C-alpha atoms as a PDB file:
ATOM      1  CA  MET A   1      14.867  15.275 -65.430  1.00  0.00           C
ATOM      2  CA  PRO A   2      12.873  14.140 -68.500  1.00  0.00           C
ATOM      3  CA  ASP A   3      13.148  10.500 -69.503  1.00  0.00           C
ATOM      4  CA  HIS A   4      14.213  11.404 -73.034  1.00  0.00           C
ATOM      5  CA  ILE A   5      17.437  12.945 -71.704  1.00  0.00           C
ATOM      6  CA  LEU A   6      18.303   9.692 -69.958  1.00  0.00           C
ATOM      7  CA  HIS A   7      17.409   7.726 -73.074  1.00  0.00           C
ATOM      8  CA  SER A   8      19.678   9.861 -75.276  1.00  0.00           C
ATOM      9  CA  ASN A   9      22.519   9.428 -72.751  1.00  0.00           C
ATOM     10  CA  LEU A  10      22.114   5.655 -72.800  1.00  0.00           C
ATOM     11  CA  ARG A  11      22.129   5.532 -76.594  1.00  0.00           C
ATOM     12  CA  ALA A  12      25.575   7.133 -76.534  1.00  0.00           C
ATOM     13  CA  ASN A  13      26.823   3.737 -75.319  1.00  0.00           C
ATOM     14  CA  PRO A  14      26.936   1.462 -78.416  1.00  0.00           C
ATOM     15  CA  ALA A  15      26.471  -1.708 -76.351  1.00  0.00           C
ATOM     16  CA  LEU A  16      23.306  -0.401 -74.721  1.00  0.00           C
ATOM     17  CA  ALA A  17      22.003   0.960 -78.030  1.00  0.00           C
ATOM     18  CA  THR A  18      22.509  -2.464 -79.627  1.00  0.00           C
ATOM     19  CA  LEU A  19      20.509  -4.182 -76.896  1.00  0.00           C
ATOM     20  CA  LEU A  20      17.720  -1.611 -77.029  1.00  0.00           C
ATOM     21  CA  ASP A  21      17.452  -1.974 -80.802  1.00  0.00           C
ATOM     22  CA  ALA A  22      17.301  -5.769 -80.447  1.00  0.00           C
ATOM     23  CA  ALA A  23      14.670  -5.753 -77.699  1.00  0.00           C
ATOM     24  CA  ALA A  24      12.412  -8.165 -79.590  1.00  0.00           C
ATOM     25  CA  GLU A  25      15.209 -10.746 -79.735  1.00  0.00           C
ATOM     26  CA  ILE A  26      15.631 -10.770 -75.943  1.00  0.00           C
ATOM     27  CA  ALA A  27      12.326 -12.672 -75.724  1.00  0.00           C
ATOM     28  CA  LEU A  28      12.067 -12.732 -71.930  1.00  0.00           C
ATOM     29  CA  PRO A  29       9.081 -11.686 -69.794  1.00  0.00           C
ATOM     30  CA  ASP A  30       9.262  -8.307 -68.061  1.00  0.00           C
ATOM     31  CA  ALA A  31      12.828  -7.795 -69.322  1.00  0.00           C
ATOM     32  CA  TRP A  32      14.834  -4.680 -68.431  1.00  0.00           C
ATOM     33  CA  LEU A  33      18.365  -3.331 -68.759  1.00  0.00           C
ATOM     34  CA  VAL A  34      19.201  -2.061 -65.298  1.00  0.00           C
ATOM     35  CA  ALA A  35      21.560  -0.630 -62.723  1.00  0.00           C
ATOM     36  CA  GLY A  36      25.285  -0.084 -63.116  1.00  0.00           C
ATOM     37  CA  ALA A  37      25.791   0.061 -66.875  1.00  0.00           C
ATOM     38  CA  LEU A  38      22.969   2.591 -67.187  1.00  0.00           C
ATOM     39  CA  ALA A  39      24.078   4.859 -64.348  1.00  0.00           C
ATOM     40  CA  GLN A  40      27.732   4.556 -65.317  1.00  0.00           C
ATOM     41  CA  THR A  41      26.997   5.533 -68.918  1.00  0.00           C
ATOM     42  CA  VAL A  42      25.389   8.736 -67.615  1.00  0.00           C
ATOM     43  CA  TRP A  43      28.315   9.328 -65.255  1.00  0.00           C
ATOM     44  CA  ASN A  44      30.687   8.915 -68.200  1.00  0.00           C
ATOM     45  CA  THR A  45      28.765  11.541 -70.173  1.00  0.00           C
ATOM     46  CA  LEU A  46      28.898  13.954 -67.240  1.00  0.00           C
ATOM     47  CA  HIS A  47      32.624  13.292 -66.686  1.00  0.00           C
ATOM     48  CA  GLY A  48      33.491  13.573 -70.388  1.00  0.00           C
ATOM     49  CA  PHE A  49      34.714   9.951 -70.416  1.00  0.00           C
ATOM     50  CA  PRO A  50      34.224   7.377 -73.193  1.00  0.00           C
ATOM     51  CA  PRO A  51      30.780   5.723 -72.925  1.00  0.00           C
ATOM     52  CA  ALA A  52      32.119   2.345 -71.726  1.00  0.00           C
ATOM     53  CA  HIS A  53      34.662   3.691 -69.218  1.00  0.00           C
ATOM     54  CA  GLY A  54      34.606   1.717 -65.966  1.00  0.00           C
ATOM     55  CA  ILE A  55      31.690  -0.524 -66.980  1.00  0.00           C
ATOM     56  CA  ARG A  56      32.377  -4.158 -66.082  1.00  0.00           C
ATOM     57  CA  ASP A  57      29.207  -5.812 -67.348  1.00  0.00           C
ATOM     58  CA  ILE A  58      25.600  -5.204 -68.333  1.00  0.00           C
ATOM     59  CA  ASP A  59      22.775  -6.336 -66.058  1.00  0.00           C
ATOM     60  CA  LEU A  60      19.669  -7.665 -67.759  1.00  0.00           C
ATOM     61  CA  ILE A  61      16.807  -8.774 -65.560  1.00  0.00           C
ATOM     62  CA  TYR A  62      13.501 -10.479 -66.256  1.00  0.00           C
ATOM     63  CA  HIS A  63      10.629 -11.840 -64.183  1.00  0.00           C
ATOM     64  CA  ASP A  64       9.365 -15.354 -64.843  1.00  0.00           C
ATOM     65  CA  PRO A  65       7.637 -17.018 -61.874  1.00  0.00           C
ATOM     66  CA  ALA A  66       6.607 -19.906 -64.152  1.00  0.00           C
ATOM     67  CA  ASP A  67      10.180 -21.255 -64.231  1.00  0.00           C
ATOM     68  CA  LEU A  68      12.272 -20.642 -61.131  1.00  0.00           C
ATOM     69  CA  SER A  69      15.011 -23.110 -62.051  1.00  0.00           C
ATOM     70  CA  ALA A  70      18.646 -22.066 -62.077  1.00  0.00           C
ATOM     71  CA  GLU A  71      19.000 -24.110 -65.273  1.00  0.00           C
ATOM     72  CA  ALA A  72      16.484 -21.978 -67.176  1.00  0.00           C
ATOM     73  CA  GLU A  73      18.127 -18.781 -65.984  1.00  0.00           C
ATOM     74  CA  ALA A  74      21.562 -20.063 -67.052  1.00  0.00           C
ATOM     75  CA  ALA A  75      20.217 -21.139 -70.450  1.00  0.00           C
ATOM     76  CA  HIS A  76      18.777 -17.679 -71.097  1.00  0.00           C
ATOM     77  CA  GLU A  77      22.072 -16.090 -70.092  1.00  0.00           C
ATOM     78  CA  ALA A  78      24.059 -18.429 -72.352  1.00  0.00           C
ATOM     79  CA  ARG A  79      21.740 -17.731 -75.297  1.00  0.00           C
ATOM     80  CA  LEU A  80      22.006 -13.978 -74.919  1.00  0.00           C
ATOM     81  CA  ARG A  81      25.761 -14.039 -74.352  1.00  0.00           C
ATOM     82  CA  ARG A  82      26.131 -15.962 -77.619  1.00  0.00           C
ATOM     83  CA  ARG A  83      23.847 -13.587 -79.484  1.00  0.00           C
ATOM     84  CA  PHE A  84      25.495 -10.437 -78.139  1.00  0.00           C
ATOM     85  CA  GLY A  85      29.063 -11.651 -77.746  1.00  0.00           C
ATOM     86  CA  ALA A  86      30.327  -8.868 -80.009  1.00  0.00           C
ATOM     87  CA  LEU A  87      29.343  -6.195 -77.486  1.00  0.00           C
ATOM     88  CA  GLY A  88      32.650  -6.575 -75.652  1.00  0.00           C
ATOM     89  CA  LEU A  89      30.866  -6.575 -72.284  1.00  0.00           C
ATOM     90  CA  THR A  90      29.507  -9.557 -70.373  1.00  0.00           C
ATOM     91  CA  LEU A  91      25.746  -9.859 -70.009  1.00  0.00           C
ATOM     92  CA  ASP A  92      24.622 -10.808 -66.507  1.00  0.00           C
ATOM     93  CA  VAL A  93      21.078 -12.211 -66.807  1.00  0.00           C
ATOM     94  CA  LYS A  94      18.945 -12.821 -63.704  1.00  0.00           C
ATOM     95  CA  ASN A  95      15.357 -13.944 -63.151  1.00  0.00           C
ATOM     96  CA  GLN A  96      14.111 -11.654 -60.395  1.00  0.00           C
ATOM     97  CA  ALA A  97      11.294 -14.076 -59.584  1.00  0.00           C
ATOM     98  CA  ARG A  98      13.842 -16.468 -58.081  1.00  0.00           C
ATOM     99  CA  VAL A  99      16.076 -14.056 -56.123  1.00  0.00           C
ATOM    100  CA  HIS A 100      14.394 -15.051 -52.850  1.00  0.00           C
ATOM    101  CA  LEU A 101      15.599 -18.629 -53.379  1.00  0.00           C
ATOM    102  CA  TRP A 102      19.287 -17.698 -52.999  1.00  0.00           C
ATOM    103  CA  TYR A 103      19.350 -14.293 -51.309  1.00  0.00           C
ATOM    104  CA  GLU A 104      19.450 -15.557 -47.725  1.00  0.00           C
ATOM    105  CA  ARG A 105      22.236 -18.022 -48.500  1.00  0.00           C
ATOM    106  CA  ARG A 106      24.340 -15.263 -50.041  1.00  0.00           C
ATOM    107  CA  PHE A 107      23.488 -12.285 -47.844  1.00  0.00           C
ATOM    108  CA  GLY A 108      22.112 -13.812 -44.638  1.00  0.00           C
ATOM    109  CA  ARG A 109      18.650 -12.287 -44.911  1.00  0.00           C
ATOM    110  CA  ALA A 110      15.387 -13.901 -46.024  1.00  0.00           C
ATOM    111  CA  ILE A 111      13.251 -11.905 -48.445  1.00  0.00           C
ATOM    112  CA  PRO A 112       9.853 -12.503 -50.051  1.00  0.00           C
ATOM    113  CA  PRO A 113       9.609 -13.105 -53.815  1.00  0.00           C
ATOM    114  CA  HIS A 114       9.831 -10.009 -55.985  1.00  0.00           C
ATOM    115  CA  PRO A 115       6.415  -9.534 -57.621  1.00  0.00           C
ATOM    116  CA  SER A 116       7.877  -7.847 -60.718  1.00  0.00           C
ATOM    117  CA  SER A 117      11.062  -6.547 -62.249  1.00  0.00           C
ATOM    118  CA  THR A 118      10.251  -2.990 -61.219  1.00  0.00           C
ATOM    119  CA  ALA A 119       9.811  -4.128 -57.613  1.00  0.00           C
ATOM    120  CA  ALA A 120      13.275  -5.666 -57.825  1.00  0.00           C
ATOM    121  CA  ILE A 121      14.754  -2.451 -59.242  1.00  0.00           C
ATOM    122  CA  ALA A 122      13.452  -0.610 -56.159  1.00  0.00           C
ATOM    123  CA  THR A 123      15.774  -2.745 -53.985  1.00  0.00           C
ATOM    124  CA  PHE A 124      19.041  -1.989 -55.817  1.00  0.00           C
ATOM    125  CA  PRO A 125      21.691  -0.618 -53.405  1.00  0.00           C
ATOM    126  CA  ALA A 126      21.891   3.029 -54.536  1.00  0.00           C
ATOM    127  CA  THR A 127      19.222   5.460 -55.638  1.00  0.00           C
ATOM    128  CA  ALA A 128      21.217   6.432 -58.735  1.00  0.00           C
ATOM    129  CA  THR A 129      21.424   2.808 -59.888  1.00  0.00           C
ATOM    130  CA  ALA A 130      17.829   1.840 -59.036  1.00  0.00           C
ATOM    131  CA  ILE A 131      16.856   2.448 -62.641  1.00  0.00           C
ATOM    132  CA  GLY A 132      15.901   0.390 -65.661  1.00  0.00           C
ATOM    133  CA  ILE A 133      14.832   0.680 -69.270  1.00  0.00           C
ATOM    134  CA  ARG A 134      12.379  -1.901 -70.534  1.00  0.00           C
ATOM    135  CA  LEU A 135      13.390  -4.211 -73.358  1.00  0.00           C
ATOM    136  CA  ALA A 136      10.196  -4.160 -75.367  1.00  0.00           C
ATOM    137  CA  PRO A 137       9.109  -2.892 -78.793  1.00  0.00           C
ATOM    138  CA  GLY A 138       7.829   0.641 -78.996  1.00  0.00           C
ATOM    139  CA  PRO A 139       8.729   3.827 -77.132  1.00  0.00           C
ATOM    140  CA  PRO A 140      11.214   3.347 -74.291  1.00  0.00           C
ATOM    141  CA  ALA A 141       9.765   2.781 -70.832  1.00  0.00           C
ATOM    142  CA  ILE A 142      12.072   3.996 -68.078  1.00  0.00           C
ATOM    143  CA  HIS A 143      11.640   3.121 -64.424  1.00  0.00           C
ATOM    144  CA  ALA A 144      13.538   5.152 -61.834  1.00  0.00           C
ATOM    145  CA  ALA A 145      12.500   3.939 -58.384  1.00  0.00           C
ATOM    146  CA  PHE A 146      13.786   7.105 -56.678  1.00  0.00           C
ATOM    147  CA  GLY A 147      13.702   9.509 -59.603  1.00  0.00           C
ATOM    148  CA  LEU A 148      16.667  10.695 -61.658  1.00  0.00           C
ATOM    149  CA  GLN A 149      17.876  13.625 -59.555  1.00  0.00           C
ATOM    150  CA  ASP A 150      20.673  11.756 -57.756  1.00  0.00           C
ATOM    151  CA  LEU A 151      21.845  10.144 -60.992  1.00  0.00           C
ATOM    152  CA  PHE A 152      22.319  13.422 -62.867  1.00  0.00           C
ATOM    153  CA  ALA A 153      23.634  15.213 -59.762  1.00  0.00           C
ATOM    154  CA  LEU A 154      26.448  12.600 -59.522  1.00  0.00           C
ATOM    155  CA  ARG A 155      25.159  11.812 -56.036  1.00  0.00           C
ATOM    156  CA  VAL A 156      25.524   8.286 -54.589  1.00  0.00           C
ATOM    157  CA  ARG A 157      22.906   7.763 -51.897  1.00  0.00           C
ATOM    158  CA  ALA A 158      22.279   4.372 -50.248  1.00  0.00           C
ATOM    159  CA  ASN A 159      19.022   2.566 -50.838  1.00  0.00           C
ATOM    160  CA  ARG A 160      18.684   0.797 -47.489  1.00  0.00           C
ATOM    161  CA  THR A 161      15.737  -1.377 -48.570  1.00  0.00           C
ATOM    162  CA  LEU A 162      17.929  -4.476 -48.885  1.00  0.00           C
ATOM    163  CA  ALA A 163      21.595  -3.548 -49.138  1.00  0.00           C
ATOM    164  CA  SER A 164      23.863  -3.706 -46.109  1.00  0.00           C
ATOM    165  CA  PRO A 165      26.221  -0.850 -45.206  1.00  0.00           C
ATOM    166  CA  GLU A 166      29.130  -3.085 -46.241  1.00  0.00           C
ATOM    167  CA  VAL A 167      27.727  -3.826 -49.708  1.00  0.00           C
ATOM    168  CA  PHE A 168      26.952  -0.154 -50.307  1.00  0.00           C
ATOM    169  CA  ALA A 169      30.384   0.978 -49.086  1.00  0.00           C
ATOM    170  CA  ALA A 170      32.225  -1.492 -51.330  1.00  0.00           C
ATOM    171  CA  LYS A 171      30.298  -0.348 -54.399  1.00  0.00           C
ATOM    172  CA  ALA A 172      30.708   3.308 -53.518  1.00  0.00           C
ATOM    173  CA  ARG A 173      34.492   2.925 -53.136  1.00  0.00           C
ATOM    174  CA  ARG A 174      34.856   1.352 -56.566  1.00  0.00           C
ATOM    175  CA  TRP A 175      32.596   3.912 -58.186  1.00  0.00           C
ATOM    176  CA  ALA A 176      34.471   6.834 -56.615  1.00  0.00           C
ATOM    177  CA  GLU A 177      37.742   5.534 -58.044  1.00  0.00           C
ATOM    178  CA  ALA A 178      36.340   5.341 -61.573  1.00  0.00           C
ATOM    179  CA  TRP A 179      34.197   8.511 -61.436  1.00  0.00           C
ATOM    180  CA  PRO A 180      35.962  11.030 -59.167  1.00  0.00           C
ATOM    181  CA  ARG A 181      33.274  13.710 -59.365  1.00  0.00           C
ATOM    182  CA  LEU A 182      30.760  11.502 -57.571  1.00  0.00           C
ATOM    183  CA  SER A 183      29.552  12.707 -54.192  1.00  0.00           C
ATOM    184  CA  ILE A 184      29.224   9.725 -51.825  1.00  0.00           C
ATOM    185  CA  LEU A 185      26.658  10.307 -49.091  1.00  0.00           C
ATOM    186  CA  PRO A 186      27.041   8.502 -45.750  1.00  0.00           C
ATOM    187  CA  TRP A 187      24.892   5.453 -45.036  1.00  0.00           C
ATOM    188  CA  HIS A 188      22.639   7.328 -42.585  1.00  0.00           C
ATOM    189  CA  ALA A 189      21.702   9.760 -45.365  1.00  0.00           C
ATOM    190  CA  GLY A 190      20.213   6.933 -47.391  1.00  0.00           C
ATOM    191  CA  VAL A 191      16.579   6.161 -48.093  1.00  0.00           C
ATOM    192  CA  ALA A 192      14.404   3.056 -48.233  1.00  0.00           C
ATOM    193  CA  ALA A 193      11.650   2.055 -50.631  1.00  0.00           C
ATOM    194  CA  PRO A 194       8.157   1.394 -49.254  1.00  0.00           C
ATOM    195  CA  TRP A 195       8.691  -2.339 -49.903  1.00  0.00           C
ATOM    196  CA  ARG A 196      10.235  -4.121 -46.907  1.00  0.00           C
ATOM    197  CA  PRO A 197      11.929  -7.531 -46.675  1.00  0.00           C
ATOM    198  CA  ARG A 198      11.061 -10.055 -44.004  1.00  0.00           C
ATOM    199  CA  ALA A 199      13.122  -9.790 -40.812  1.00  0.00           C
END
């Protein structure tokens, strides 16, 4: 599936188009729009739903190992929420360089630091949502850790790299309610990225 088809799908969502057009204003290192809002916009196109149907928020990630403070992350999120408050969707902004600092406390599993935003994308809990589009001037750069086949086939396959069966199942249940044509594959049919967390 060519990247330009995904890009045209995403631009059908006015909120995503606004953020892509304002990429220079994001002003964060290794910044990407990722995950749910992207996949769900495509699912809406394939279902014939309005572009924002079922989308709860927009995930924006960046990678800044020079400042791992929660305060800096929160300040970036507050700045961008003020700037893009008219979107009608909440921006969730996370520094992927600091995920290892809180992941074990939240999910009970220690992980090493993510070396980049694309490495982080490869750990997202489903293959169809392990995607991102870079927020940078110039032609769009799309990263799909497992390709785009599952996304456009409306197939929800677990990425077992980090996610637990419980986390995947909860997401899959919600997605199936909002997008009934999705095909939810069982946990054992999932895949894992080459990157592995610490035991």
